[in-house]
Amino acid sequence: MAAREPKKHEMPTQKPEVRAHNFNEVALGYTAEIAASEAQRCLGCKNKPCMQGCPVNIDIPEFISHIKQNDIEGAYDVITKSSSLPAVCGRVCPQESQCEHECTLAVKLNMEPVGIGRLERFVADTHRLNKTGETVRPEPNGHRVAVVGSGPSGLTCAGDLAKKGYAVTVYEALHTAGGVLVYGIPEFRLPKSIVADEVNTLKELGVEIVTDVVIGRTLTIDELFEQGFEAVFIGSGAGLPNFMNIPGESLNGVYSANEFLTRSNLMKAYSDSSRTPIMKGGNVAVVGGGNVAMDAARTALRLGAEKVYIIYRRSMEEMPARKEEVEHAMEEGIDFRILCNPAEILGYRNPDNPRDPKNGFVRAIRCVRMELGEPDERGRRSPHEIPGSEFELDTDTVIMAIGTSPNPLIKSTTKGLEVNRRGGIIVNENGLTTRENVYAGGDAVTGAATVISAMGAGKTAAKAIDEALGSK
């Protein structure tokens, strides 16, 4: 047998100078030849350490073994036993810190891990392009479950229950199913047609999707039980944006990342035919260092910004965004201002003309330079201001991407539902809340986290719901 390649096969991508001006997907996906070659790098470890890093416990060596045999449908069947959203996970999950982090090639042989996420995407895309026939619905078991929110946790819970014969209805507040997958993640990272296909697969299983229903306003949790649902899963996400509470945040041209990305992703504000306004062009400053900050910055660039800054108060080593997303942003020309923190957003004011249309709009952001202190007991170094280091960046738009919290609406309309000090719903190890037969998972519990961790929570709750209702 030929020696294994020490590095995983590169992902084909659009060239930076091309992709910076369009919303087409950046990563082009493995070809069949590349996927077959990458699959051969897998050792097929009997103890399957990679599975320990997967929040939804996909049998990774097993699905890769099917790729080695050119049995792509077999690989797809293995993946979908554990994951309801394989094409999504293959694109946006942080495999480098999960399954690939545990790969024997990396841990013991000092090689790059197998490109597990890239192979999962290849399998899902190949299945989608070659799919024939309809999904077979399981026999109904007579039980009804309501799911609040159609994001990754809600869709996963719905899919797992539907496969067991439950009649599942998913309630979505927006007009399109997908939650953060459609409003938060840009088209160039996750095409919305992919999300729509994954949702349609669940519909074929019998899942009913009801949009434009705000639970806590249109209907309450108690009213869902009155309608005959025997259990409710809350996967409403964390859609309440955080701000810094610095002067100038109320100026025109200041967005939360949630609003900015929703206008672009869900409302198609980048299209000339869209009726949703969004600021385009000029200089844009994005505050934050996570994946959402990268998404907002790269979206602003594609909307026509002349200059885009990422302002982050720690160093590149502490930046929480995926390495791949940071590298893509740098390649596209995003200007990283690390060890900097905003102190004030400055507005335009013309004292000679109170009717000047520029009045009340952003003109600059004042920042202060930071330095990192000594590591604390967790090894984390806190940033501290450097006195006298203030400077200004001329900017027309400021986007705050410093995290989100769960919306308090469901808590405020549901008696007996307890939350923690950050607004996250309190659950036990099975996802059960302090209300009988009410479960929760994903960002509604943890605050903003990853797609795959939300899916894992939905999977855990679905198992618990099945055990509770199946015993009746």
Protein backbone atom coordinates (compact mmCIF):
# COMPACT_ATOMS: atom_id res chain seq x y z
CA MET A 1 0.00 0.00 0.00
CA ALA A 2 1.27 3.45 -0.89
CA ALA A 3 2.26 5.76 1.96
CA ARG A 4 -0.50 8.02 3.18
CA GLU A 5 -0.36 11.67 2.26
CA PRO A 6 0.64 13.71 5.33
CA LYS A 7 -1.75 16.52 4.43
CA LYS A 8 -5.45 16.49 3.67
CA HIS A 9 -6.47 17.35 0.14
CA GLU A 10 -7.05 21.06 -0.39
CA MET A 11 -10.60 22.26 -0.82
CA PRO A 12 -11.08 23.85 -4.26
CA THR A 13 -12.29 27.43 -3.84
CA GLN A 14 -13.13 30.52 -5.85
CA LYS A 15 -10.17 32.86 -6.20
CA PRO A 16 -10.22 35.65 -3.57
CA GLU A 17 -10.28 38.47 -6.10
CA VAL A 18 -13.35 36.90 -7.74
CA ARG A 19 -15.35 35.72 -4.73
CA ALA A 20 -15.01 39.06 -2.89
CA HIS A 21 -17.49 40.47 -5.38
CA ASN A 22 -20.13 37.75 -5.48
CA PHE A 23 -22.32 35.75 -3.09
CA ASN A 24 -21.63 32.36 -4.68
CA GLU A 25 -20.29 29.64 -2.42
CA VAL A 26 -16.57 30.08 -1.73
CA ALA A 27 -15.71 26.40 -1.28
CA LEU A 28 -16.46 24.40 -4.42
CA GLY A 29 -16.40 20.91 -2.87
CA TYR A 30 -14.37 17.78 -3.51
CA THR A 31 -14.62 15.98 -6.81
CA ALA A 32 -15.23 12.22 -6.72
CA GLU A 33 -11.54 11.63 -7.42
CA ILE A 34 -10.36 13.91 -4.61
CA ALA A 35 -12.90 12.43 -2.17
CA ALA A 36 -11.80 8.87 -3.01
CA SER A 37 -8.16 9.80 -2.44
CA GLU A 38 -8.90 11.61 0.82
CA ALA A 39 -10.95 8.65 2.09
CA GLN A 40 -7.90 6.41 1.62
CA ARG A 41 -6.09 8.47 4.26
CA CYS A 42 -8.50 7.17 6.93
CA LEU A 43 -6.98 4.41 9.09
CA GLY A 44 -10.39 2.94 9.98
CA CYS A 45 -9.46 2.82 13.66
CA LYS A 46 -11.41 0.16 15.56
CA ASN A 47 -11.81 2.35 18.64
CA LYS A 48 -13.10 5.23 16.44
CA PRO A 49 -11.70 8.20 18.39
CA CYS A 50 -13.12 10.66 15.86
CA MET A 51 -16.65 9.67 16.91
CA GLN A 52 -15.89 10.89 20.43
CA GLY A 53 -15.47 14.38 19.02
CA CYS A 54 -18.77 14.36 17.12
CA PRO A 55 -21.70 15.83 19.09
CA VAL A 56 -24.20 13.73 17.11
CA ASN A 57 -22.07 10.54 17.10
CA ILE A 58 -21.81 9.88 13.38
CA ASP A 59 -20.01 6.60 12.69
CA ILE A 60 -17.23 8.35 10.80
CA PRO A 61 -14.95 5.40 9.92
CA GLU A 62 -17.99 3.48 8.67
CA PHE A 63 -19.20 6.20 6.30
CA ILE A 64 -15.67 6.77 5.02
CA SER A 65 -15.29 3.04 4.37
CA HIS A 66 -18.30 3.25 2.05
CA ILE A 67 -16.61 6.09 0.13
CA LYS A 68 -13.57 3.83 -0.31
CA GLN A 69 -15.90 1.30 -1.93
CA ASN A 70 -17.50 3.99 -4.11
CA ASP A 71 -20.78 3.37 -2.28
CA ILE A 72 -21.88 6.98 -1.76
CA GLU A 73 -25.50 6.09 -0.95
CA GLY A 74 -24.27 3.67 1.68
CA ALA A 75 -22.14 6.45 3.17
CA TYR A 76 -25.16 8.75 3.16
CA ASP A 77 -27.27 6.16 4.97
CA VAL A 78 -24.64 5.86 7.70
CA ILE A 79 -24.45 9.64 8.18
CA THR A 80 -28.21 10.19 8.26
CA LYS A 81 -28.69 7.59 10.97
CA SER A 82 -27.17 10.21 13.26
CA SER A 83 -27.48 13.56 11.45
CA SER A 84 -30.55 15.17 9.90
CA LEU A 85 -28.49 17.94 8.25
CA PRO A 86 -25.39 16.39 6.64
CA ALA A 87 -24.96 18.97 3.88
CA VAL A 88 -25.11 21.74 6.49
CA CYS A 89 -22.71 20.07 8.93
CA GLY A 90 -20.19 19.37 6.20
CA ARG A 91 -20.03 23.09 5.51
CA VAL A 92 -20.25 24.94 8.81
CA CYS A 93 -19.26 22.61 11.65
CA PRO A 94 -15.90 23.31 13.33
CA GLN A 95 -14.50 19.87 12.56
CA GLU A 96 -10.98 21.05 13.38
CA SER A 97 -11.92 21.29 17.07
CA GLN A 98 -14.20 18.24 17.16
CA CYS A 99 -13.99 15.03 15.10
CA GLU A 100 -10.82 15.95 13.20
CA HIS A 101 -9.17 17.03 16.45
CA GLU A 102 -9.39 13.41 17.65
CA CYS A 103 -8.17 11.82 14.37
CA THR A 104 -5.32 9.36 14.94
CA LEU A 105 -3.37 10.77 12.00
CA ALA A 106 -3.08 14.08 13.84
CA VAL A 107 -2.89 12.82 17.43
CA LYS A 108 -0.31 10.06 16.99
CA LEU A 109 1.27 10.33 13.54
CA ASN A 110 1.88 14.09 13.32
CA MET A 111 -0.08 14.36 10.07
CA GLU A 112 -3.06 16.50 9.14
CA PRO A 113 -6.33 14.81 10.11
CA VAL A 114 -8.64 13.24 7.56
CA GLY A 115 -10.89 15.89 5.95
CA ILE A 116 -13.98 14.47 7.64
CA GLY A 117 -16.16 17.52 7.12
CA ARG A 118 -15.18 17.80 3.48
CA LEU A 119 -16.03 14.14 2.92
CA GLU A 120 -19.38 14.53 4.68
CA ARG A 121 -20.20 17.46 2.41
CA PHE A 122 -19.20 15.44 -0.66
CA VAL A 123 -21.46 12.57 0.34
CA ALA A 124 -24.44 14.82 1.08
CA ASP A 125 -24.05 16.83 -2.12
CA THR A 126 -23.64 13.73 -4.26
CA HIS A 127 -26.80 12.24 -2.76
CA ARG A 128 -28.72 15.47 -3.31
CA LEU A 129 -27.70 15.72 -6.96
CA ASN A 130 -28.46 12.07 -7.72
CA LYS A 131 -31.50 11.54 -5.50
CA THR A 132 -34.36 9.58 -7.01
CA GLY A 133 -37.70 8.72 -5.43
CA GLU A 134 -39.22 9.99 -2.21
CA THR A 135 -38.32 9.39 1.41
CA VAL A 136 -40.35 6.58 2.96
CA ARG A 137 -42.45 7.77 5.90
CA PRO A 138 -42.45 5.59 9.00
CA GLU A 139 -45.71 4.26 10.44
CA PRO A 140 -47.38 6.84 12.75
CA ASN A 141 -47.16 5.97 16.44
CA GLY A 142 -50.07 8.19 17.50
CA HIS A 143 -48.07 10.76 19.49
CA ARG A 144 -47.82 14.51 18.70
CA VAL A 145 -44.87 16.78 19.49
CA ALA A 146 -44.46 20.51 18.88
CA VAL A 147 -41.06 22.04 18.12
CA VAL A 148 -40.46 25.76 18.60
CA GLY A 149 -37.92 27.11 16.13
CA SER A 150 -36.64 25.62 12.88
CA GLY A 151 -32.94 26.12 13.49
CA PRO A 152 -30.45 23.27 13.78
CA SER A 153 -31.63 22.05 17.20
CA GLY A 154 -35.32 22.17 16.26
CA LEU A 155 -34.83 20.49 12.89
CA THR A 156 -32.68 17.75 14.43
CA CYS A 157 -35.21 17.05 17.17
CA ALA A 158 -38.04 17.03 14.62
CA GLY A 159 -36.17 14.73 12.25
CA ASP A 160 -35.22 12.19 14.92
CA LEU A 161 -38.79 12.04 16.23
CA ALA A 162 -40.34 11.84 12.75
CA LYS A 163 -38.16 8.83 11.96
CA LYS A 164 -39.81 7.09 14.93
CA GLY A 165 -43.33 7.84 13.73
CA TYR A 166 -44.15 10.96 15.76
CA ALA A 167 -46.40 13.62 14.25
CA VAL A 168 -44.16 16.66 14.57
CA THR A 169 -45.13 20.28 13.92
CA VAL A 170 -42.36 22.88 13.80
CA TYR A 171 -43.30 26.51 14.48
CA GLU A 172 -41.01 29.17 12.96
CA ALA A 173 -41.29 32.90 13.75
CA LEU A 174 -39.88 34.02 10.38
CA HIS A 175 -41.30 33.38 6.93
CA THR A 176 -38.68 30.80 5.94
CA ALA A 177 -37.65 27.65 7.80
CA GLY A 178 -34.03 27.19 8.81
CA GLY A 179 -33.45 29.56 11.70
CA VAL A 180 -29.88 30.80 11.93
CA LEU A 181 -29.01 28.65 8.91
CA VAL A 182 -31.01 31.02 6.68
CA TYR A 183 -30.85 34.36 8.49
CA GLY A 184 -27.39 34.19 10.05
CA ILE A 185 -24.99 32.28 7.78
CA PRO A 186 -24.26 33.96 4.43
CA GLU A 187 -25.00 32.43 1.06
CA PHE A 188 -21.28 32.22 0.23
CA ARG A 189 -20.76 29.86 3.17
CA LEU A 190 -24.07 28.01 3.16
CA PRO A 191 -26.31 28.31 0.08
CA LYS A 192 -29.94 28.64 1.06
CA SER A 193 -30.91 26.02 -1.53
CA ILE A 194 -28.94 23.51 0.58
CA VAL A 195 -30.94 24.41 3.68
CA ALA A 196 -34.21 24.23 1.72
CA ASP A 197 -33.31 20.73 0.50
CA GLU A 198 -32.56 19.55 4.04
CA VAL A 199 -35.89 21.00 5.25
CA ASN A 200 -37.74 19.31 2.37
CA THR A 201 -36.22 15.97 3.36
CA LEU A 202 -37.78 16.41 6.80
CA LYS A 203 -41.11 17.34 5.22
CA GLU A 204 -40.98 14.09 3.24
CA LEU A 205 -40.62 12.29 6.58
CA GLY A 206 -43.89 13.92 7.63
CA VAL A 207 -42.66 16.95 9.60
CA GLU A 208 -45.07 19.88 9.29
CA ILE A 209 -43.47 23.33 9.12
CA VAL A 210 -45.62 26.31 10.14
CA THR A 211 -44.02 29.71 9.53
CA ASP A 212 -44.90 33.24 10.73
CA VAL A 213 -45.85 31.99 14.19
CA VAL A 214 -44.18 33.61 17.18
CA ILE A 215 -44.48 31.31 20.18
CA GLY A 216 -45.15 33.49 23.18
CA ARG A 217 -47.12 35.94 21.05
CA THR A 218 -49.15 34.13 18.37
CA LEU A 219 -49.44 31.02 20.52
CA THR A 220 -48.16 30.17 23.99
CA ILE A 221 -46.57 26.95 25.20
CA ASP A 222 -49.70 26.26 27.26
CA GLU A 223 -51.90 26.67 24.17
CA LEU A 224 -49.78 24.11 22.31
CA PHE A 225 -50.61 21.55 25.00
CA GLU A 226 -54.28 22.56 24.80
CA GLN A 227 -54.14 21.73 21.07
CA GLY A 228 -53.18 18.15 21.90
CA PHE A 229 -49.39 18.14 21.75
CA GLU A 230 -47.92 15.82 24.36
CA ALA A 231 -44.46 17.36 24.50
CA VAL A 232 -42.82 20.60 23.37
CA PHE A 233 -39.20 21.17 22.40
CA ILE A 234 -37.95 24.78 22.54
CA GLY A 235 -35.17 25.48 20.05
CA SER A 236 -35.82 29.17 19.59
CA GLY A 237 -32.16 30.16 19.42
CA ALA A 238 -30.45 33.28 20.73
CA GLY A 239 -31.72 36.14 18.62
CA LEU A 240 -31.31 39.00 21.11
CA PRO A 241 -28.18 40.96 20.10
CA ASN A 242 -25.65 42.25 22.61
CA PHE A 243 -24.25 45.78 22.46
CA MET A 244 -21.31 47.48 24.17
CA ASN A 245 -23.31 50.39 25.61
CA ILE A 246 -20.78 52.93 24.41
CA PRO A 247 -21.66 56.45 23.22
CA GLY A 248 -22.95 56.61 19.65
CA GLU A 249 -24.51 53.15 19.35
CA SER A 250 -27.87 54.74 18.53
CA LEU A 251 -26.54 56.56 15.46
CA ASN A 252 -27.83 55.74 11.98
CA GLY A 253 -25.50 53.23 10.37
CA VAL A 254 -24.97 51.12 13.50
CA TYR A 255 -26.27 47.56 13.15
CA SER A 256 -26.26 44.45 15.24
CA ALA A 257 -24.75 41.61 13.22
CA ASN A 258 -28.10 39.85 13.53
CA GLU A 259 -29.95 42.66 11.79
CA PHE A 260 -27.28 43.19 9.16
CA LEU A 261 -27.02 39.51 8.24
CA THR A 262 -30.79 38.96 8.35
CA ARG A 263 -31.35 41.85 5.93
CA SER A 264 -28.75 40.40 3.55
CA ASN A 265 -29.27 36.65 3.93
CA LEU A 266 -32.99 36.25 4.47
CA MET A 267 -34.32 39.45 2.90
CA LYS A 268 -31.82 39.41 -0.02
CA ALA A 269 -30.87 43.07 0.49
CA TYR A 270 -27.92 42.52 -1.85
CA SER A 271 -30.36 42.18 -4.75
CA ASP A 272 -31.38 45.30 -6.66
CA SER A 273 -34.98 44.08 -6.54
CA SER A 274 -35.06 43.71 -2.74
CA ARG A 275 -37.29 46.07 -0.80
CA THR A 276 -35.18 45.70 2.34
CA PRO A 277 -32.78 48.62 2.84
CA ILE A 278 -29.19 48.11 3.90
CA MET A 279 -26.17 50.41 3.91
CA LYS A 280 -23.76 49.62 1.10
CA GLY A 281 -20.37 51.00 0.18
CA GLY A 282 -18.08 53.28 2.18
CA ASN A 283 -15.98 52.08 5.10
CA VAL A 284 -17.34 49.42 7.45
CA ALA A 285 -16.11 48.51 10.94
CA VAL A 286 -17.13 45.14 12.40
CA VAL A 287 -16.62 44.72 16.15
CA GLY A 288 -15.90 41.15 17.29
CA GLY A 289 -13.73 38.16 16.47
CA GLY A 290 -16.09 35.22 16.06
CA ASN A 291 -17.56 33.52 13.02
CA VAL A 292 -20.45 35.99 12.99
CA ALA A 293 -17.98 38.88 12.77
CA MET A 294 -16.26 37.20 9.81
CA ASP A 295 -19.63 36.64 8.14
CA ALA A 296 -20.64 40.28 8.62
CA ALA A 297 -17.32 41.64 7.37
CA ARG A 298 -17.24 39.45 4.28
CA THR A 299 -20.89 40.27 3.54
CA ALA A 300 -20.18 44.01 3.79
CA LEU A 301 -17.31 43.57 1.34
CA ARG A 302 -19.58 41.82 -1.15
CA LEU A 303 -22.17 44.56 -0.75
CA GLY A 304 -19.63 47.02 -2.12
CA ALA A 305 -17.70 48.35 0.88
CA GLU A 306 -14.50 50.15 -0.03
CA LYS A 307 -12.75 49.17 3.20
CA VAL A 308 -13.76 46.69 5.90
CA TYR A 309 -12.17 46.53 9.35
CA ILE A 310 -12.39 43.78 11.95
CA ILE A 311 -11.89 45.35 15.40
CA TYR A 312 -11.02 42.75 18.05
CA ARG A 313 -9.76 43.43 21.54
CA ARG A 314 -7.54 40.37 21.86
CA SER A 315 -4.82 38.89 19.64
CA MET A 316 -5.15 36.56 16.65
CA GLU A 317 -4.35 33.58 18.90
CA GLU A 318 -7.45 34.25 21.03
CA MET A 319 -9.76 34.92 18.09
CA PRO A 320 -12.66 32.43 18.38
CA ALA A 321 -13.58 32.33 14.67
CA ARG A 322 -12.67 29.25 12.67
CA LYS A 323 -9.16 29.42 11.24
CA GLU A 324 -10.53 28.77 7.76
CA GLU A 325 -12.93 31.73 7.98
CA VAL A 326 -10.20 34.07 9.23
CA GLU A 327 -7.90 32.98 6.41
CA HIS A 328 -10.64 33.52 3.81
CA ALA A 329 -11.35 36.98 5.21
CA MET A 330 -7.67 37.92 5.07
CA GLU A 331 -7.35 36.64 1.51
CA GLU A 332 -10.29 38.83 0.53
CA GLY A 333 -8.65 41.95 1.92
CA ILE A 334 -10.39 42.44 5.28
CA ASP A 335 -8.24 44.72 7.51
CA PHE A 336 -7.77 43.14 10.96
CA ARG A 337 -7.25 45.64 13.78
CA ILE A 338 -6.41 43.35 16.67
CA LEU A 339 -5.75 44.42 20.26
CA CYS A 340 -8.14 47.30 19.73
CA ASN A 341 -11.45 48.12 21.37
CA PRO A 342 -14.12 50.69 20.46
CA ALA A 343 -14.64 53.49 22.97
CA GLU A 344 -17.12 55.65 21.06
CA ILE A 345 -18.94 55.86 17.74
CA LEU A 346 -18.80 59.36 16.33
CA GLY A 347 -21.65 60.91 14.38
CA TYR A 348 -21.83 63.55 11.68
CA ARG A 349 -23.31 66.90 12.70
CA ASN A 350 -23.48 70.03 10.56
CA PRO A 351 -24.17 72.97 12.92
CA ASP A 352 -24.79 75.28 9.98
CA ASN A 353 -27.45 73.06 8.43
CA PRO A 354 -29.68 71.09 10.79
CA ARG A 355 -31.39 69.56 7.73
CA ASP A 356 -28.18 68.14 6.32
CA PRO A 357 -29.13 64.51 5.44
CA LYS A 358 -25.81 63.31 6.88
CA ASN A 359 -26.70 64.52 10.36
CA GLY A 360 -27.10 61.65 12.80
CA PHE A 361 -25.13 59.17 10.70
CA VAL A 362 -21.86 57.47 11.62
CA ARG A 363 -18.69 59.23 10.50
CA ALA A 364 -15.97 57.47 12.54
CA ILE A 365 -15.24 55.04 15.36
CA ARG A 366 -12.84 55.92 18.16
CA CYS A 367 -10.78 53.00 19.43
CA VAL A 368 -8.22 52.41 22.13
CA ARG A 369 -5.29 50.03 21.82
CA MET A 370 -5.14 47.06 24.19
CA GLU A 371 -2.51 44.80 25.72
CA LEU A 372 -2.97 41.38 27.25
CA GLY A 373 -2.37 40.80 30.94
CA GLU A 374 -1.05 37.72 32.68
CA PRO A 375 -3.01 34.47 32.21
CA ASP A 376 -5.70 33.72 34.81
CA GLU A 377 -6.34 30.31 36.39
CA ARG A 378 -7.95 29.19 33.11
CA GLY A 379 -5.00 30.42 31.07
CA ARG A 380 -7.02 33.27 29.55
CA ARG A 381 -5.33 36.67 29.28
CA SER A 382 -7.57 39.67 29.86
CA PRO A 383 -7.13 42.75 27.65
CA HIS A 384 -6.31 46.10 29.26
CA GLU A 385 -6.39 49.56 27.75
CA ILE A 386 -3.14 51.33 26.93
CA PRO A 387 -3.53 54.90 28.24
CA GLY A 388 -3.24 57.61 25.61
CA SER A 389 -3.50 55.18 22.68
CA GLU A 390 -6.83 56.36 21.26
CA PHE A 391 -7.24 56.68 17.50
CA GLU A 392 -10.07 57.12 15.01
CA LEU A 393 -11.09 55.16 11.93
CA ASP A 394 -13.26 56.90 9.35
CA THR A 395 -16.26 54.69 8.83
CA ASP A 396 -19.80 54.90 7.49
CA THR A 397 -21.19 51.71 9.05
CA VAL A 398 -20.52 49.92 12.33
CA ILE A 399 -21.64 46.33 12.90
CA MET A 400 -21.67 44.94 16.43
CA ALA A 401 -20.88 41.21 16.40
CA ILE A 402 -20.21 40.60 20.09
CA GLY A 403 -22.70 37.83 20.77
CA THR A 404 -26.39 37.23 21.32
CA SER A 405 -28.66 36.09 24.13
CA PRO A 406 -31.93 34.12 24.20
CA ASN A 407 -35.04 36.23 23.70
CA PRO A 408 -37.04 36.45 26.98
CA LEU A 409 -40.45 36.21 25.25
CA ILE A 410 -41.06 32.49 25.85
CA LYS A 411 -39.89 32.70 29.45
CA SER A 412 -42.16 35.67 30.16
CA THR A 413 -45.24 33.85 28.80
CA THR A 414 -44.61 30.39 30.25
CA LYS A 415 -45.22 29.80 33.96
CA GLY A 416 -42.74 27.56 35.71
CA LEU A 417 -40.07 27.83 33.02
CA GLU A 418 -36.85 28.81 34.78
CA VAL A 419 -33.86 30.51 33.16
CA ASN A 420 -30.36 31.32 34.35
CA ARG A 421 -28.94 34.82 34.86
CA ARG A 422 -28.05 35.04 31.16
CA GLY A 423 -31.56 34.16 30.05
CA GLY A 424 -30.74 30.60 29.01
CA ILE A 425 -33.46 28.04 29.73
CA ILE A 426 -32.43 25.68 32.52
CA VAL A 427 -32.47 22.00 31.51
CA ASN A 428 -31.24 18.70 32.91
CA GLU A 429 -28.93 16.26 31.13
CA ASN A 430 -31.84 15.05 28.96
CA GLY A 431 -32.92 18.53 27.86
CA LEU A 432 -35.96 18.56 30.19
CA THR A 433 -36.82 22.02 31.53
CA THR A 434 -38.46 22.88 34.85
CA ARG A 435 -41.84 22.43 33.15
CA GLU A 436 -43.25 18.95 32.72
CA ASN A 437 -43.00 17.65 29.13
CA VAL A 438 -41.23 20.83 27.98
CA TYR A 439 -37.71 20.31 26.63
CA ALA A 440 -35.17 22.77 25.27
CA GLY A 441 -31.79 22.82 23.59
CA GLY A 442 -29.35 24.76 21.45
CA ASP A 443 -28.71 28.49 21.77
CA ALA A 444 -31.95 28.99 23.75
CA VAL A 445 -30.17 27.11 26.54
CA THR A 446 -26.47 27.85 26.05
CA GLY A 447 -26.51 31.23 24.35
CA ALA A 448 -24.83 31.56 20.95
CA ALA A 449 -22.82 28.41 20.17
CA THR A 450 -22.16 26.12 17.19
CA VAL A 451 -24.61 24.51 14.79
CA ILE A 452 -23.42 21.02 15.64
CA SER A 453 -23.72 21.52 19.41
CA ALA A 454 -27.31 22.69 18.88
CA MET A 455 -27.96 19.59 16.79
CA GLY A 456 -26.54 17.43 19.56
CA ALA A 457 -28.94 19.03 22.05
CA GLY A 458 -31.89 18.43 19.72
CA LYS A 459 -30.86 14.81 19.38
CA THR A 460 -30.59 14.36 23.15
CA ALA A 461 -34.04 15.86 23.71
CA ALA A 462 -35.61 13.74 20.96
CA LYS A 463 -34.31 10.59 22.65
CA ALA A 464 -35.69 11.74 26.01
CA ILE A 465 -39.08 12.64 24.51
CA ASP A 466 -39.29 9.23 22.84
CA GLU A 467 -38.48 7.47 26.09
CA ALA A 468 -41.09 9.53 27.97
CA LEU A 469 -43.93 9.25 25.43
CA GLY A 470 -43.06 5.80 24.15
CA SER A 471 -43.62 4.37 27.63
CA LYS A 472 -47.22 5.63 27.67
